[in-house]
């Protein structure tokens, strides 16, 4: 019921184009639209529909566009929040299995720091090693997954936590682990139940 209502709400937001209603809404566009598209695609997938890779690709581009044009630090990333949104775009491209676009995003000149740098390095290795990579890469993905699916995981610098949508990161990573490590081919549709079980384990 929750997912159905979320999907209906996402559809209504798009039909009514509510992403430009106010100055605040306009400032958040197209990142806000990317979040809606991503949530709808994953909600449908969790309900048993095929993973909508075209929508995830659209979301990837929207996340990146906002970071590179509207974020307050778009000329030179300094905010952990911007880095987090940028990597949400990278993960959306990987879930869409658009390796060329993921590689393009990962090759940005912007410096990513803290746990964002660790994540960037891991996905760069994955893109370059696709379709499966070696045992070391697979082990490193498993270690990263174990770390970020822990509900207590956070990174605090000078008393301030770095930005992280941990739930999105855990679900995305679990889905990509299923695609690139567990499944025989990343073109195989990942199993929602297997991903949820792995994230919750």
Protein backbone atom coordinates (compact mmCIF):
# COMPACT_ATOMS: atom_id res chain seq x y z
CA UNK A 1 0.00 0.00 0.00
CA UNK A 2 2.79 2.46 0.92
CA UNK A 3 4.64 1.90 -2.36
CA UNK A 4 1.44 2.20 -4.42
CA UNK A 5 0.60 5.51 -2.78
CA UNK A 6 4.16 6.78 -3.25
CA UNK A 7 4.04 5.83 -6.94
CA UNK A 8 0.67 7.56 -7.37
CA UNK A 9 2.02 10.67 -5.66
CA UNK A 10 5.13 10.67 -7.86
CA UNK A 11 2.95 10.41 -10.97
CA UNK A 12 0.80 13.32 -9.79
CA UNK A 13 3.86 15.48 -9.11
CA UNK A 14 5.02 14.91 -12.68
CA UNK A 15 1.63 15.42 -14.30
CA UNK A 16 1.08 18.66 -12.37
CA UNK A 17 4.77 19.68 -12.77
CA UNK A 18 5.01 20.74 -9.14
CA UNK A 19 8.80 21.14 -9.29
CA UNK A 20 8.66 24.84 -10.15
CA UNK A 21 5.86 26.10 -7.85
CA UNK A 22 8.02 28.24 -5.59
CA UNK A 23 11.46 29.79 -5.53
CA UNK A 24 12.62 27.03 -3.18
CA UNK A 25 11.19 24.34 -5.46
CA UNK A 26 12.87 25.91 -8.49
CA UNK A 27 16.21 26.00 -6.68
CA UNK A 28 15.95 22.27 -6.01
CA UNK A 29 15.10 21.36 -9.61
CA UNK A 30 16.08 19.00 -11.25
CA UNK A 31 17.46 17.23 -8.17
CA UNK A 32 13.98 17.02 -6.65
CA UNK A 33 12.61 15.51 -9.85
CA UNK A 34 15.46 12.97 -9.87
CA UNK A 35 14.55 11.87 -6.35
CA UNK A 36 10.93 11.35 -7.41
CA UNK A 37 11.89 9.38 -10.53
CA UNK A 38 14.36 7.21 -8.62
CA UNK A 39 11.86 6.51 -5.80
CA UNK A 40 9.14 5.58 -8.28
CA UNK A 41 11.41 3.27 -10.28
CA UNK A 42 12.58 1.49 -7.14
CA UNK A 43 9.07 1.37 -5.68
CA UNK A 44 7.73 -0.34 -8.79
CA UNK A 45 10.67 -2.74 -8.79
CA UNK A 46 10.07 -3.62 -5.14
CA UNK A 47 6.47 -4.41 -6.08
CA UNK A 48 7.67 -6.89 -8.70
CA UNK A 49 7.87 -4.85 -11.90
CA UNK A 50 11.05 -4.92 -14.02
CA UNK A 51 13.65 -2.36 -13.03
CA UNK A 52 13.01 0.76 -15.13
CA UNK A 53 16.55 1.47 -16.26
CA UNK A 54 15.50 4.32 -18.56
CA UNK A 55 14.03 6.24 -15.60
CA UNK A 56 17.12 5.58 -13.52
CA UNK A 57 19.26 6.95 -16.34
CA UNK A 58 17.10 10.09 -16.42
CA UNK A 59 17.46 10.44 -12.66
CA UNK A 60 21.24 10.09 -12.95
CA UNK A 61 21.45 12.98 -15.36
CA UNK A 62 19.16 15.17 -13.26
CA UNK A 63 21.19 14.57 -10.08
CA UNK A 64 24.40 15.46 -11.91
CA UNK A 65 22.87 18.51 -13.61
CA UNK A 66 21.75 19.99 -10.30
CA UNK A 67 25.14 19.39 -8.68
CA UNK A 68 27.01 20.94 -11.62
CA UNK A 69 24.74 23.94 -12.20
CA UNK A 70 22.67 24.82 -9.11
CA UNK A 71 24.47 23.60 -6.00
CA UNK A 72 26.01 26.48 -4.06
CA UNK A 73 29.43 24.88 -4.59
CA UNK A 74 28.84 23.82 -8.21
CA UNK A 75 32.09 25.40 -9.42
CA UNK A 76 34.18 23.50 -6.90
CA UNK A 77 32.56 20.84 -4.73
CA UNK A 78 33.17 21.50 -1.05
CA UNK A 79 29.89 20.39 0.51
CA UNK A 80 29.45 16.79 1.57
CA UNK A 81 25.77 17.17 0.63
CA UNK A 82 26.61 18.00 -2.99
CA UNK A 83 29.01 15.06 -3.13
CA UNK A 84 26.29 12.77 -1.79
CA UNK A 85 23.78 13.87 -4.44
CA UNK A 86 26.42 13.55 -7.16
CA UNK A 87 27.11 9.97 -6.14
CA UNK A 88 23.39 9.25 -6.11
CA UNK A 89 23.57 10.14 -9.80
CA UNK A 90 26.52 7.79 -10.30
CA UNK A 91 24.64 4.96 -8.59
CA UNK A 92 21.51 5.61 -10.66
CA UNK A 93 23.62 5.33 -13.83
CA UNK A 94 25.10 2.05 -12.59
CA UNK A 95 21.66 0.68 -11.69
CA UNK A 96 20.59 1.65 -15.22
CA UNK A 97 23.70 -0.24 -16.43
CA UNK A 98 24.79 2.79 -18.45
CA UNK A 99 28.48 2.28 -17.86
CA UNK A 100 29.55 4.99 -20.30
CA UNK A 101 27.55 7.64 -18.46
CA UNK A 102 28.67 6.34 -15.06
CA UNK A 103 32.29 6.51 -16.26
CA UNK A 104 31.71 10.08 -17.46
CA UNK A 105 30.35 11.14 -14.06
CA UNK A 106 33.14 9.38 -12.19
CA UNK A 107 35.79 11.15 -14.27
CA UNK A 108 34.72 14.58 -12.98
CA UNK A 109 37.49 16.99 -12.01
CA UNK A 110 35.62 17.77 -8.80
CA UNK A 111 37.37 16.38 -5.76
CA UNK A 112 35.27 14.04 -3.64
CA UNK A 113 36.40 13.60 -0.06
CA UNK A 114 35.65 11.51 3.01
CA UNK A 115 33.53 8.40 2.46
CA UNK A 116 32.44 9.91 -0.88
CA UNK A 117 35.99 9.40 -2.13
CA UNK A 118 35.98 5.74 -1.05
CA UNK A 119 32.67 5.22 -2.86
CA UNK A 120 33.89 6.97 -6.01
CA UNK A 121 37.01 4.81 -6.14
CA UNK A 122 34.98 1.63 -5.71
CA UNK A 123 32.50 2.44 -8.49
CA UNK A 124 35.35 3.53 -10.78
CA UNK A 125 36.95 0.13 -10.30
CA UNK A 126 33.60 -1.57 -10.94
CA UNK A 127 33.00 0.35 -14.18
CA UNK A 128 36.49 -0.41 -15.44
CA UNK A 129 36.25 -4.11 -14.55
CA UNK A 130 32.70 -4.80 -15.75
CA UNK A 131 31.05 -7.21 -16.24
CA UNK A 132 32.30 -8.91 -13.05
CA UNK A 133 35.78 -7.91 -12.00
CA UNK A 134 38.16 -9.97 -9.92
CA UNK A 135 37.83 -11.52 -6.48
CA UNK A 136 39.47 -8.49 -4.81
CA UNK A 137 36.90 -6.10 -6.27
CA UNK A 138 34.04 -8.38 -5.27
CA UNK A 139 35.43 -8.63 -1.74
CA UNK A 140 35.80 -4.85 -1.53
CA UNK A 141 32.19 -4.35 -2.65
CA UNK A 142 31.07 -6.81 0.05
CA UNK A 143 33.13 -4.95 2.69
CA UNK A 144 31.71 -1.59 1.61
CA UNK A 145 28.19 -3.04 1.66
CA UNK A 146 28.70 -4.46 5.16
CA UNK A 147 29.89 -1.06 6.34
CA UNK A 148 27.14 1.13 4.92
CA UNK A 149 24.17 -1.15 5.66
CA UNK A 150 24.94 -0.89 9.37
CA UNK A 151 22.25 1.47 10.78
CA UNK A 152 24.88 2.95 13.10
CA UNK A 153 27.25 3.86 10.26
CA UNK A 154 28.16 7.52 10.11
CA UNK A 155 31.27 9.58 9.53
CA UNK A 156 31.80 12.55 11.83
CA UNK A 157 34.39 15.24 11.10
CA UNK A 158 35.06 17.98 13.64
CA UNK A 159 31.84 17.03 15.40
CA UNK A 160 29.71 17.30 12.24
CA UNK A 161 28.39 14.22 10.39
CA UNK A 162 29.12 14.10 6.68
CA UNK A 163 26.04 14.04 4.48
CA UNK A 164 24.68 10.63 3.61
CA UNK A 165 21.29 9.23 2.68
CA UNK A 166 22.26 5.94 4.31
CA UNK A 167 19.03 4.15 3.44
CA UNK A 168 19.33 5.08 -0.24
CA UNK A 169 23.03 4.17 -0.21
CA UNK A 170 22.33 0.76 1.35
CA UNK A 171 19.49 -0.08 -1.06
CA UNK A 172 21.41 1.15 -4.12
CA UNK A 173 24.53 -0.75 -3.11
CA UNK A 174 22.54 -3.89 -2.39
CA UNK A 175 20.91 -3.66 -5.80
CA UNK A 176 24.24 -3.08 -7.57
CA UNK A 177 25.83 -5.93 -5.61
CA UNK A 178 23.06 -8.19 -6.89
CA UNK A 179 23.58 -6.96 -10.47
CA UNK A 180 27.36 -6.96 -10.65
CA UNK A 181 28.51 -9.52 -8.07
CA UNK A 182 25.73 -12.07 -7.50
CA UNK A 183 23.93 -12.34 -10.84
CA UNK A 184 25.49 -14.02 -13.85
CA UNK A 185 24.89 -10.86 -15.89
CA UNK A 186 24.09 -7.24 -14.96
CA UNK A 187 21.34 -7.40 -17.58
CA UNK A 188 19.45 -9.92 -15.43
CA UNK A 189 16.78 -8.19 -13.37
CA UNK A 190 17.89 -8.13 -9.72
CA UNK A 191 15.62 -9.89 -7.24
CA UNK A 192 13.91 -7.41 -4.88
CA UNK A 193 13.58 -10.01 -2.14
CA UNK A 194 17.24 -11.01 -2.38
CA UNK A 195 18.33 -7.37 -2.19
CA UNK A 196 16.06 -6.57 0.77
CA UNK A 197 17.23 -9.70 2.61
CA UNK A 198 20.88 -8.76 2.02
CA UNK A 199 20.37 -5.15 3.16
CA UNK A 200 18.54 -6.29 6.31
CA UNK A 201 20.93 -9.13 7.16
